[in-house]
Amino acid sequence: GEEIYSVGLYLPKKTTRADTAKALLGARRVTLYILKDLVPADFI
């Protein structure tokens, strides 16, 4: 119930399949907005 971060996935083209997200040629981006203070012990 505690909100940690919001995350967005950017790909060369849209897909509903995880394997396609991996296989697509080109760049990728994962963007996270942190919603609570975090230290390495939280996310490593």
ModelCIF file with pLDDT and N, C-alpha, C, O atoms, coordinates in Angstrom:
data_MODEL
#
_entry.id   MODEL 
#
_entity.id                         1 
_entity.type                       polymer 
_entity.pdbx_number_of_molecules   1 
#
_entity_poly.entity_id                      1 
_entity_poly.type                           'polypeptide(L)' 
_entity_poly.nstd_linkage                   no 
_entity_poly.nstd_monomer                   no 
_entity_poly.pdbx_seq_one_letter_code       GEEIYSVGLYLPKKTTRADTAKALLGARRVTLYILKDLVPADFI 
_entity_poly.pdbx_seq_one_letter_code_can   GEEIYSVGLYLPKKTTRADTAKALLGARRVTLYILKDLVPADFI 
_entity_poly.pdbx_strand_id                 A 
#
loop_
_entity_poly_seq.entity_id 
_entity_poly_seq.num 
_entity_poly_seq.mon_id 
_entity_poly_seq.hetero 
1 1  GLY n 
1 2  GLU n 
1 3  GLU n 
1 4  ILE n 
1 5  TYR n 
1 6  SER n 
1 7  VAL n 
1 8  GLY n 
1 9  LEU n 
1 10 TYR n 
1 11 LEU n 
1 12 PRO n 
1 13 LYS n 
1 14 LYS n 
1 15 THR n 
1 16 THR n 
1 17 ARG n 
1 18 ALA n 
1 19 ASP n 
1 20 THR n 
1 21 ALA n 
1 22 LYS n 
1 23 ALA n 
1 24 LEU n 
1 25 LEU n 
1 26 GLY n 
1 27 ALA n 
1 28 ARG n 
1 29 ARG n 
1 30 VAL n 
1 31 THR n 
1 32 LEU n 
1 33 TYR n 
1 34 ILE n 
1 35 LEU n 
1 36 LYS n 
1 37 ASP n 
1 38 LEU n 
1 39 VAL n 
1 40 PRO n 
1 41 ALA n 
1 42 ASP n 
1 43 PHE n 
1 44 ILE n 
#
_struct_asym.id          A 
_struct_asym.entity_id   1 
#
loop_
_ma_qa_metric.id 
_ma_qa_metric.mode 
_ma_qa_metric.name 
_ma_qa_metric.software_group_id 
_ma_qa_metric.type 
1 global pLDDT . pLDDT 
2 local  pLDDT . pLDDT 
#
_ma_qa_metric_global.metric_id      1 
_ma_qa_metric_global.metric_value   95.25 
_ma_qa_metric_global.model_id       1 
_ma_qa_metric_global.ordinal_id     1 
#
loop_
_ma_qa_metric_local.label_asym_id 
_ma_qa_metric_local.label_comp_id 
_ma_qa_metric_local.label_seq_id 
_ma_qa_metric_local.metric_id 
_ma_qa_metric_local.metric_value 
_ma_qa_metric_local.model_id 
_ma_qa_metric_local.ordinal_id 
A GLY 1  2 90.00 1 1  
A GLU 2  2 93.00 1 2  
A GLU 3  2 95.00 1 3  
A ILE 4  2 95.00 1 4  
A TYR 5  2 96.00 1 5  
A SER 6  2 97.00 1 6  
A VAL 7  2 97.00 1 7  
A GLY 8  2 98.00 1 8  
A LEU 9  2 98.00 1 9  
A TYR 10 2 98.00 1 10 
A LEU 11 2 97.00 1 11 
A PRO 12 2 97.00 1 12 
A LYS 13 2 96.00 1 13 
A LYS 14 2 96.00 1 14 
A THR 15 2 97.00 1 15 
A THR 16 2 97.00 1 16 
A ARG 17 2 97.00 1 17 
A ALA 18 2 97.00 1 18 
A ASP 19 2 96.00 1 19 
A THR 20 2 97.00 1 20 
A ALA 21 2 97.00 1 21 
A LYS 22 2 95.00 1 22 
A ALA 23 2 96.00 1 23 
A LEU 24 2 95.00 1 24 
A LEU 25 2 94.00 1 25 
A GLY 26 2 95.00 1 26 
A ALA 27 2 97.00 1 27 
A ARG 28 2 97.00 1 28 
A ARG 29 2 98.00 1 29 
A VAL 30 2 98.00 1 30 
A THR 31 2 98.00 1 31 
A LEU 32 2 97.00 1 32 
A TYR 33 2 98.00 1 33 
A ILE 34 2 97.00 1 34 
A LEU 35 2 97.00 1 35 
A LYS 36 2 95.00 1 36 
A ASP 37 2 95.00 1 37 
A LEU 38 2 93.00 1 38 
A VAL 39 2 92.00 1 39 
A PRO 40 2 89.00 1 40 
A ALA 41 2 88.00 1 41 
A ASP 42 2 87.00 1 42 
A PHE 43 2 87.00 1 43 
A ILE 44 2 92.00 1 44 
#
loop_
_atom_site.group_PDB 
_atom_site.id 
_atom_site.type_symbol 
_atom_site.label_atom_id 
_atom_site.label_alt_id 
_atom_site.label_comp_id 
_atom_site.label_asym_id 
_atom_site.label_entity_id 
_atom_site.label_seq_id 
_atom_site.pdbx_PDB_ins_code 
_atom_site.Cartn_x 
_atom_site.Cartn_y 
_atom_site.Cartn_z 
_atom_site.occupancy 
_atom_site.B_iso_or_equiv 
_atom_site.pdbx_formal_charge 
_atom_site.auth_seq_id 
_atom_site.auth_comp_id 
_atom_site.auth_asym_id 
_atom_site.auth_atom_id 
_atom_site.pdbx_PDB_model_num 
ATOM 1   N N  . GLY A 1 1  ? 0.777  -1.227  0.000   1.00 90.00 ? 1  GLY A N  1 
ATOM 2   C CA . GLY A 1 1  ? 0.000  0.000   0.000   1.00 90.00 ? 1  GLY A CA 1 
ATOM 3   C C  . GLY A 1 1  ? 0.812  1.283   0.000   1.00 90.00 ? 1  GLY A C  1 
ATOM 4   O O  . GLY A 1 1  ? 0.248  2.367   -0.144  1.00 90.00 ? 1  GLY A O  1 
ATOM 5   N N  . GLU A 1 2  ? 2.132  1.179   0.159   1.00 93.00 ? 2  GLU A N  1 
ATOM 6   C CA . GLU A 1 2  ? 2.979  2.368   0.163   1.00 93.00 ? 2  GLU A CA 1 
ATOM 7   C C  . GLU A 1 2  ? 3.506  2.619   -1.241  1.00 93.00 ? 2  GLU A C  1 
ATOM 8   O O  . GLU A 1 2  ? 4.085  1.730   -1.865  1.00 93.00 ? 2  GLU A O  1 
ATOM 9   N N  . GLU A 1 3  ? 3.303  3.832   -1.732  1.00 95.00 ? 3  GLU A N  1 
ATOM 10  C CA . GLU A 1 3  ? 3.717  4.173   -3.089  1.00 95.00 ? 3  GLU A CA 1 
ATOM 11  C C  . GLU A 1 3  ? 5.207  4.495   -3.117  1.00 95.00 ? 3  GLU A C  1 
ATOM 12  O O  . GLU A 1 3  ? 5.680  5.355   -2.373  1.00 95.00 ? 3  GLU A O  1 
ATOM 13  N N  . ILE A 1 4  ? 5.946  3.792   -3.986  1.00 95.00 ? 4  ILE A N  1 
ATOM 14  C CA . ILE A 1 4  ? 7.402  3.901   -4.022  1.00 95.00 ? 4  ILE A CA 1 
ATOM 15  C C  . ILE A 1 4  ? 7.862  4.795   -5.185  1.00 95.00 ? 4  ILE A C  1 
ATOM 16  O O  . ILE A 1 4  ? 8.620  5.744   -4.987  1.00 95.00 ? 4  ILE A O  1 
ATOM 17  N N  . TYR A 1 5  ? 7.396  4.478   -6.391  1.00 96.00 ? 5  TYR A N  1 
ATOM 18  C CA . TYR A 1 5  ? 7.743  5.292   -7.562  1.00 96.00 ? 5  TYR A CA 1 
ATOM 19  C C  . TYR A 1 5  ? 6.720  5.037   -8.662  1.00 96.00 ? 5  TYR A C  1 
ATOM 20  O O  . TYR A 1 5  ? 6.020  4.024   -8.660  1.00 96.00 ? 5  TYR A O  1 
ATOM 21  N N  . SER A 1 6  ? 6.651  5.968   -9.591  1.00 97.00 ? 6  SER A N  1 
ATOM 22  C CA . SER A 1 6  ? 5.913  5.720   -10.825 1.00 97.00 ? 6  SER A CA 1 
ATOM 23  C C  . SER A 1 6  ? 6.941  5.490   -11.919 1.00 97.00 ? 6  SER A C  1 
ATOM 24  O O  . SER A 1 6  ? 8.038  6.046   -11.874 1.00 97.00 ? 6  SER A O  1 
ATOM 25  N N  . VAL A 1 7  ? 6.585  4.665   -12.910 1.00 97.00 ? 7  VAL A N  1 
ATOM 26  C CA . VAL A 1 7  ? 7.556  4.272   -13.934 1.00 97.00 ? 7  VAL A CA 1 
ATOM 27  C C  . VAL A 1 7  ? 6.881  4.236   -15.289 1.00 97.00 ? 7  VAL A C  1 
ATOM 28  O O  . VAL A 1 7  ? 5.736  3.802   -15.414 1.00 97.00 ? 7  VAL A O  1 
ATOM 29  N N  . GLY A 1 8  ? 7.600  4.695   -16.304 1.00 98.00 ? 8  GLY A N  1 
ATOM 30  C CA . GLY A 1 8  ? 7.119  4.653   -17.672 1.00 98.00 ? 8  GLY A CA 1 
ATOM 31  C C  . GLY A 1 8  ? 8.126  3.962   -18.574 1.00 98.00 ? 8  GLY A C  1 
ATOM 32  O O  . GLY A 1 8  ? 9.334  4.071   -18.364 1.00 98.00 ? 8  GLY A O  1 
ATOM 33  N N  . LEU A 1 9  ? 7.630  3.252   -19.577 1.00 98.00 ? 9  LEU A N  1 
ATOM 34  C CA . LEU A 1 9  ? 8.468  2.510   -20.524 1.00 98.00 ? 9  LEU A CA 1 
ATOM 35  C C  . LEU A 1 9  ? 8.340  3.122   -21.910 1.00 98.00 ? 9  LEU A C  1 
ATOM 36  O O  . LEU A 1 9  ? 7.237  3.251   -22.441 1.00 98.00 ? 9  LEU A O  1 
ATOM 37  N N  . TYR A 1 10 ? 9.478  3.499   -22.495 1.00 98.00 ? 10 TYR A N  1 
ATOM 38  C CA . TYR A 1 10 ? 9.517  4.067   -23.846 1.00 98.00 ? 10 TYR A CA 1 
ATOM 39  C C  . TYR A 1 10 ? 10.229 3.090   -24.777 1.00 98.00 ? 10 TYR A C  1 
ATOM 40  O O  . TYR A 1 10 ? 11.313 2.591   -24.472 1.00 98.00 ? 10 TYR A O  1 
ATOM 41  N N  . LEU A 1 11 ? 9.593  2.829   -25.922 1.00 97.00 ? 11 LEU A N  1 
ATOM 42  C CA . LEU A 1 11 ? 10.114 1.873   -26.902 1.00 97.00 ? 11 LEU A CA 1 
ATOM 43  C C  . LEU A 1 11 ? 10.062 2.475   -28.304 1.00 97.00 ? 11 LEU A C  1 
ATOM 44  O O  . LEU A 1 11 ? 9.396  3.489   -28.516 1.00 97.00 ? 11 LEU A O  1 
ATOM 45  N N  . PRO A 1 12 ? 10.762 1.855   -29.271 1.00 97.00 ? 12 PRO A N  1 
ATOM 46  C CA . PRO A 1 12 ? 10.691 2.339   -30.657 1.00 97.00 ? 12 PRO A CA 1 
ATOM 47  C C  . PRO A 1 12 ? 9.286  2.261   -31.246 1.00 97.00 ? 12 PRO A C  1 
ATOM 48  O O  . PRO A 1 12 ? 8.924  3.078   -32.093 1.00 97.00 ? 12 PRO A O  1 
ATOM 49  N N  . LYS A 1 13 ? 8.487  1.280   -30.803 1.00 96.00 ? 13 LYS A N  1 
ATOM 50  C CA . LYS A 1 13 ? 7.089  1.179   -31.222 1.00 96.00 ? 13 LYS A CA 1 
ATOM 51  C C  . LYS A 1 13 ? 6.333  0.455   -30.116 1.00 96.00 ? 13 LYS A C  1 
ATOM 52  O O  . LYS A 1 13 ? 6.935  -0.241  -29.298 1.00 96.00 ? 13 LYS A O  1 
ATOM 53  N N  . LYS A 1 14 ? 5.019  0.617   -30.093 1.00 96.00 ? 14 LYS A N  1 
ATOM 54  C CA . LYS A 1 14 ? 4.223  0.039   -29.029 1.00 96.00 ? 14 LYS A CA 1 
ATOM 55  C C  . LYS A 1 14 ? 4.085  -1.474  -29.184 1.00 96.00 ? 14 LYS A C  1 
ATOM 56  O O  . LYS A 1 14 ? 4.055  -2.010  -30.292 1.00 96.00 ? 14 LYS A O  1 
ATOM 57  N N  . THR A 1 15 ? 4.003  -2.135  -28.043 1.00 97.00 ? 15 THR A N  1 
ATOM 58  C CA . THR A 1 15 ? 3.773  -3.570  -28.031 1.00 97.00 ? 15 THR A CA 1 
ATOM 59  C C  . THR A 1 15 ? 3.101  -3.961  -26.724 1.00 97.00 ? 15 THR A C  1 
ATOM 60  O O  . THR A 1 15 ? 3.245  -3.268  -25.716 1.00 97.00 ? 15 THR A O  1 
ATOM 61  N N  . THR A 1 16 ? 2.370  -5.065  -26.738 1.00 97.00 ? 16 THR A N  1 
ATOM 62  C CA . THR A 1 16 ? 1.801  -5.627  -25.518 1.00 97.00 ? 16 THR A CA 1 
ATOM 63  C C  . THR A 1 16 ? 2.573  -6.857  -25.060 1.00 97.00 ? 16 THR A C  1 
ATOM 64  O O  . THR A 1 16 ? 2.152  -7.542  -24.129 1.00 97.00 ? 16 THR A O  1 
ATOM 65  N N  . ARG A 1 17 ? 3.705  -7.142  -25.711 1.00 97.00 ? 17 ARG A N  1 
ATOM 66  C CA . ARG A 1 17 ? 4.466  -8.359  -25.427 1.00 97.00 ? 17 ARG A CA 1 
ATOM 67  C C  . ARG A 1 17 ? 5.841  -8.016  -24.861 1.00 97.00 ? 17 ARG A C  1 
ATOM 68  O O  . ARG A 1 17 ? 6.559  -7.177  -25.404 1.00 97.00 ? 17 ARG A O  1 
ATOM 69  N N  . ALA A 1 18 ? 6.196  -8.682  -23.754 1.00 97.00 ? 18 ALA A N  1 
ATOM 70  C CA . ALA A 1 18 ? 7.493  -8.449  -23.134 1.00 97.00 ? 18 ALA A CA 1 
ATOM 71  C C  . ALA A 1 18 ? 8.636  -8.878  -24.041 1.00 97.00 ? 18 ALA A C  1 
ATOM 72  O O  . ALA A 1 18 ? 9.650  -8.184  -24.126 1.00 97.00 ? 18 ALA A O  1 
ATOM 73  N N  . ASP A 1 19 ? 8.487  -10.027 -24.730 1.00 96.00 ? 19 ASP A N  1 
ATOM 74  C CA . ASP A 1 19 ? 9.571  -10.496 -25.592 1.00 96.00 ? 19 ASP A CA 1 
ATOM 75  C C  . ASP A 1 19 ? 9.797  -9.549  -26.760 1.00 96.00 ? 19 ASP A C  1 
ATOM 76  O O  . ASP A 1 19 ? 10.934 -9.377  -27.202 1.00 96.00 ? 19 ASP A O  1 
ATOM 77  N N  . THR A 1 20 ? 8.733  -8.929  -27.269 1.00 97.00 ? 20 THR A N  1 
ATOM 78  C CA . THR A 1 20 ? 8.890  -7.949  -28.346 1.00 97.00 ? 20 THR A CA 1 
ATOM 79  C C  . THR A 1 20 ? 9.578  -6.692  -27.832 1.00 97.00 ? 20 THR A C  1 
ATOM 80  O O  . THR A 1 20 ? 10.402 -6.104  -28.533 1.00 97.00 ? 20 THR A O  1 
ATOM 81  N N  . ALA A 1 21 ? 9.247  -6.279  -26.619 1.00 97.00 ? 21 ALA A N  1 
ATOM 82  C CA . ALA A 1 21 ? 9.906  -5.112  -26.018 1.00 97.00 ? 21 ALA A CA 1 
ATOM 83  C C  . ALA A 1 21 ? 11.414 -5.317  -25.954 1.00 97.00 ? 21 ALA A C  1 
ATOM 84  O O  . ALA A 1 21 ? 12.186 -4.372  -26.118 1.00 97.00 ? 21 ALA A O  1 
ATOM 85  N N  . LYS A 1 22 ? 11.824 -6.551  -25.717 1.00 95.00 ? 22 LYS A N  1 
ATOM 86  C CA . LYS A 1 22 ? 13.251 -6.870  -25.683 1.00 95.00 ? 22 LYS A CA 1 
ATOM 87  C C  . LYS A 1 22 ? 13.853 -6.922  -27.083 1.00 95.00 ? 22 LYS A C  1 
ATOM 88  O O  . LYS A 1 22 ? 14.986 -6.488  -27.289 1.00 95.00 ? 22 LYS A O  1 
ATOM 89  N N  . ALA A 1 23 ? 13.095 -7.454  -28.053 1.00 96.00 ? 23 ALA A N  1 
ATOM 90  C CA . ALA A 1 23 ? 13.639 -7.737  -29.386 1.00 96.00 ? 23 ALA A CA 1 
ATOM 91  C C  . ALA A 1 23 ? 13.675 -6.522  -30.313 1.00 96.00 ? 23 ALA A C  1 
ATOM 92  O O  . ALA A 1 23 ? 14.469 -6.500  -31.253 1.00 96.00 ? 23 ALA A O  1 
ATOM 93  N N  . LEU A 1 24 ? 12.848 -5.524  -30.077 1.00 95.00 ? 24 LEU A N  1 
ATOM 94  C CA . LEU A 1 24 ? 12.805 -4.366  -30.967 1.00 95.00 ? 24 LEU A CA 1 
ATOM 95  C C  . LEU A 1 24 ? 14.181 -3.731  -31.123 1.00 95.00 ? 24 LEU A C  1 
ATOM 96  O O  . LEU A 1 24 ? 14.931 -3.610  -30.154 1.00 95.00 ? 24 LEU A O  1 
ATOM 97  N N  . LEU A 1 25 ? 14.504 -3.330  -32.337 1.00 94.00 ? 25 LEU A N  1 
ATOM 98  C CA . LEU A 1 25 ? 15.765 -2.650  -32.587 1.00 94.00 ? 25 LEU A CA 1 
ATOM 99  C C  . LEU A 1 25 ? 15.663 -1.185  -32.165 1.00 94.00 ? 25 LEU A C  1 
ATOM 100 O O  . LEU A 1 25 ? 14.605 -0.567  -32.287 1.00 94.00 ? 25 LEU A O  1 
ATOM 101 N N  . GLY A 1 26 ? 16.769 -0.639  -31.669 1.00 95.00 ? 26 GLY A N  1 
ATOM 102 C CA . GLY A 1 26 ? 16.792 0.782   -31.349 1.00 95.00 ? 26 GLY A CA 1 
ATOM 103 C C  . GLY A 1 26 ? 16.921 1.051   -29.860 1.00 95.00 ? 26 GLY A C  1 
ATOM 104 O O  . GLY A 1 26 ? 17.131 0.141   -29.057 1.00 95.00 ? 26 GLY A O  1 
ATOM 105 N N  . ALA A 1 27 ? 16.792 2.315   -29.516 1.00 97.00 ? 27 ALA A N  1 
ATOM 106 C CA . ALA A 1 27 ? 16.976 2.773   -28.141 1.00 97.00 ? 27 ALA A CA 1 
ATOM 107 C C  . ALA A 1 27 ? 15.797 2.361   -27.262 1.00 97.00 ? 27 ALA A C  1 
ATOM 108 O O  . ALA A 1 27 ? 14.760 1.918   -27.756 1.00 97.00 ? 27 ALA A O  1 
ATOM 109 N N  . ARG A 1 28 ? 15.977 2.515   -25.951 1.00 97.00 ? 28 ARG A N  1 
ATOM 110 C CA . ARG A 1 28 ? 14.938 2.269   -24.945 1.00 97.00 ? 28 ARG A CA 1 
ATOM 111 C C  . ARG A 1 28 ? 15.073 3.347   -23.873 1.00 97.00 ? 28 ARG A C  1 
ATOM 112 O O  . ARG A 1 28 ? 16.117 3.984   -23.736 1.00 97.00 ? 28 ARG A O  1 
ATOM 113 N N  . ARG A 1 29 ? 14.007 3.532   -23.126 1.00 98.00 ? 29 ARG A N  1 
ATOM 114 C CA . ARG A 1 29 ? 14.088 4.367   -21.920 1.00 98.00 ? 29 ARG A CA 1 
ATOM 115 C C  . ARG A 1 29 ? 13.107 3.855   -20.884 1.00 98.00 ? 29 ARG A C  1 
ATOM 116 O O  . ARG A 1 29 ? 11.954 3.560   -21.198 1.00 98.00 ? 29 ARG A O  1 
ATOM 117 N N  . VAL A 1 30 ? 13.569 3.754   -19.654 1.00 98.00 ? 30 VAL A N  1 
ATOM 118 C CA . VAL A 1 30 ? 12.705 3.558   -18.502 1.00 98.00 ? 30 VAL A CA 1 
ATOM 119 C C  . VAL A 1 30 ? 12.844 4.808   -17.639 1.00 98.00 ? 30 VAL A C  1 
ATOM 120 O O  . VAL A 1 30 ? 13.946 5.154   -17.212 1.00 98.00 ? 30 VAL A O  1 
ATOM 121 N N  . THR A 1 31 ? 11.734 5.479   -17.385 1.00 98.00 ? 31 THR A N  1 
ATOM 122 C CA . THR A 1 31 ? 11.729 6.692   -16.567 1.00 98.00 ? 31 THR A CA 1 
ATOM 123 C C  . THR A 1 31 ? 11.027 6.412   -15.246 1.00 98.00 ? 31 THR A C  1 
ATOM 124 O O  . THR A 1 31 ? 9.918  5.879   -15.219 1.00 98.00 ? 31 THR A O  1 
ATOM 125 N N  . LEU A 1 32 ? 11.689 6.780   -14.148 1.00 97.00 ? 32 LEU A N  1 
ATOM 126 C CA . LEU A 1 32 ? 11.101 6.630   -12.826 1.00 97.00 ? 32 LEU A CA 1 
ATOM 127 C C  . LEU A 1 32 ? 10.986 7.992   -12.153 1.00 97.00 ? 32 LEU A C  1 
ATOM 128 O O  . LEU A 1 32 ? 11.908 8.806   -12.215 1.00 97.00 ? 32 LEU A O  1 
ATOM 129 N N  . TYR A 1 33 ? 9.859  8.230   -11.516 1.00 98.00 ? 33 TYR A N  1 
ATOM 130 C CA . TYR A 1 33 ? 9.680  9.380   -10.637 1.00 98.00 ? 33 TYR A CA 1 
ATOM 131 C C  . TYR A 1 33 ? 9.575  8.833   -9.214  1.00 98.00 ? 33 TYR A C  1 
ATOM 132 O O  . TYR A 1 33 ? 8.670  8.063   -8.893  1.00 98.00 ? 33 TYR A O  1 
ATOM 133 N N  . ILE A 1 34 ? 10.513 9.246   -8.375  1.00 97.00 ? 34 ILE A N  1 
ATOM 134 C CA . ILE A 1 34 ? 10.576 8.743   -7.004  1.00 97.00 ? 34 ILE A CA 1 
ATOM 135 C C  . ILE A 1 34 ? 9.493  9.424   -6.163  1.00 97.00 ? 34 ILE A C  1 
ATOM 136 O O  . ILE A 1 34 ? 9.349  10.646  -6.189  1.00 97.00 ? 34 ILE A O  1 
ATOM 137 N N  . LEU A 1 35 ? 8.737  8.618   -5.420  1.00 97.00 ? 35 LEU A N  1 
ATOM 138 C CA . LEU A 1 35 ? 7.621  9.147   -4.633  1.00 97.00 ? 35 LEU A CA 1 
ATOM 139 C C  . LEU A 1 35 ? 7.886  9.162   -3.135  1.00 97.00 ? 35 LEU A C  1 
ATOM 140 O O  . LEU A 1 35 ? 7.110  9.742   -2.376  1.00 97.00 ? 35 LEU A O  1 
ATOM 141 N N  . LYS A 1 36 ? 8.980  8.525   -2.698  1.00 95.00 ? 36 LYS A N  1 
ATOM 142 C CA . LYS A 1 36 ? 9.368  8.565   -1.284  1.00 95.00 ? 36 LYS A CA 1 
ATOM 143 C C  . LYS A 1 36 ? 10.884 8.508   -1.200  1.00 95.00 ? 36 LYS A C  1 
ATOM 144 O O  . LYS A 1 36 ? 11.538 7.991   -2.105  1.00 95.00 ? 36 LYS A O  1 
ATOM 145 N N  . ASP A 1 37 ? 11.443 9.033   -0.127  1.00 95.00 ? 37 ASP A N  1 
ATOM 146 C CA . ASP A 1 37 ? 12.890 9.018   0.036   1.00 95.00 ? 37 ASP A CA 1 
ATOM 147 C C  . ASP A 1 37 ? 13.376 7.572   0.105   1.00 95.00 ? 37 ASP A C  1 
ATOM 148 O O  . ASP A 1 37 ? 12.785 6.727   0.778   1.00 95.00 ? 37 ASP A O  1 
ATOM 149 N N  . LEU A 1 38 ? 14.493 7.310   -0.625  1.00 93.00 ? 38 LEU A N  1 
ATOM 150 C CA . LEU A 1 38 ? 15.042 5.960   -0.700  1.00 93.00 ? 38 LEU A CA 1 
ATOM 151 C C  . LEU A 1 38 ? 16.545 5.995   -0.486  1.00 93.00 ? 38 LEU A C  1 
ATOM 152 O O  . LEU A 1 38 ? 17.217 6.964   -0.840  1.00 93.00 ? 38 LEU A O  1 
ATOM 153 N N  . VAL A 1 39 ? 17.062 4.918   0.103   1.00 92.00 ? 39 VAL A N  1 
ATOM 154 C CA . VAL A 1 39 ? 18.504 4.725   0.253   1.00 92.00 ? 39 VAL A CA 1 
ATOM 155 C C  . VAL A 1 39 ? 18.865 3.415   -0.439  1.00 92.00 ? 39 VAL A C  1 
ATOM 156 O O  . VAL A 1 39 ? 17.976 2.622   -0.750  1.00 92.00 ? 39 VAL A O  1 
ATOM 157 N N  . PRO A 1 40 ? 20.173 3.168   -0.690  1.00 89.00 ? 40 PRO A N  1 
ATOM 158 C CA . PRO A 1 40 ? 20.567 1.941   -1.411  1.00 89.00 ? 40 PRO A CA 1 
ATOM 159 C C  . PRO A 1 40 ? 19.988 0.656   -0.834  1.00 89.00 ? 40 PRO A C  1 
ATOM 160 O O  . PRO A 1 40 ? 19.665 -0.267  -1.581  1.00 89.00 ? 40 PRO A O  1 
ATOM 161 N N  . ALA A 1 41 ? 19.854 0.588   0.487   1.00 88.00 ? 41 ALA A N  1 
ATOM 162 C CA . ALA A 1 41 ? 19.308 -0.622  1.111   1.00 88.00 ? 41 ALA A CA 1 
ATOM 163 C C  . ALA A 1 41 ? 17.865 -0.868  0.709   1.00 88.00 ? 41 ALA A C  1 
ATOM 164 O O  . ALA A 1 41 ? 17.361 -1.980  0.863   1.00 88.00 ? 41 ALA A O  1 
ATOM 165 N N  . ASP A 1 42 ? 17.190 0.157   0.194   1.00 87.00 ? 42 ASP A N  1 
ATOM 166 C CA . ASP A 1 42 ? 15.809 0.001   -0.250  1.00 87.00 ? 42 ASP A CA 1 
ATOM 167 C C  . ASP A 1 42 ? 15.724 -0.625  -1.633  1.00 87.00 ? 42 ASP A C  1 
ATOM 168 O O  . ASP A 1 42 ? 14.834 -1.431  -1.900  1.00 87.00 ? 42 ASP A O  1 
ATOM 169 N N  . PHE A 1 43 ? 16.663 -0.251  -2.522  1.00 87.00 ? 43 PHE A N  1 
ATOM 170 C CA . PHE A 1 43 ? 16.481 -0.677  -3.914  1.00 87.00 ? 43 PHE A CA 1 
ATOM 171 C C  . PHE A 1 43 ? 17.500 -1.675  -4.445  1.00 87.00 ? 43 PHE A C  1 
ATOM 172 O O  . PHE A 1 43 ? 17.214 -2.343  -5.439  1.00 87.00 ? 43 PHE A O  1 
ATOM 173 N N  . ILE A 1 44 ? 18.674 -1.810  -3.834  1.00 92.00 ? 44 ILE A N  1 
ATOM 174 C CA . ILE A 1 44 ? 19.641 -2.798  -4.317  1.00 92.00 ? 44 ILE A CA 1 
ATOM 175 C C  . ILE A 1 44 ? 19.107 -4.231  -4.139  1.00 92.00 ? 44 ILE A C  1 
ATOM 176 O O  . ILE A 1 44 ? 19.790 -5.192  -4.492  1.00 92.00 ? 44 ILE A O  1 
#
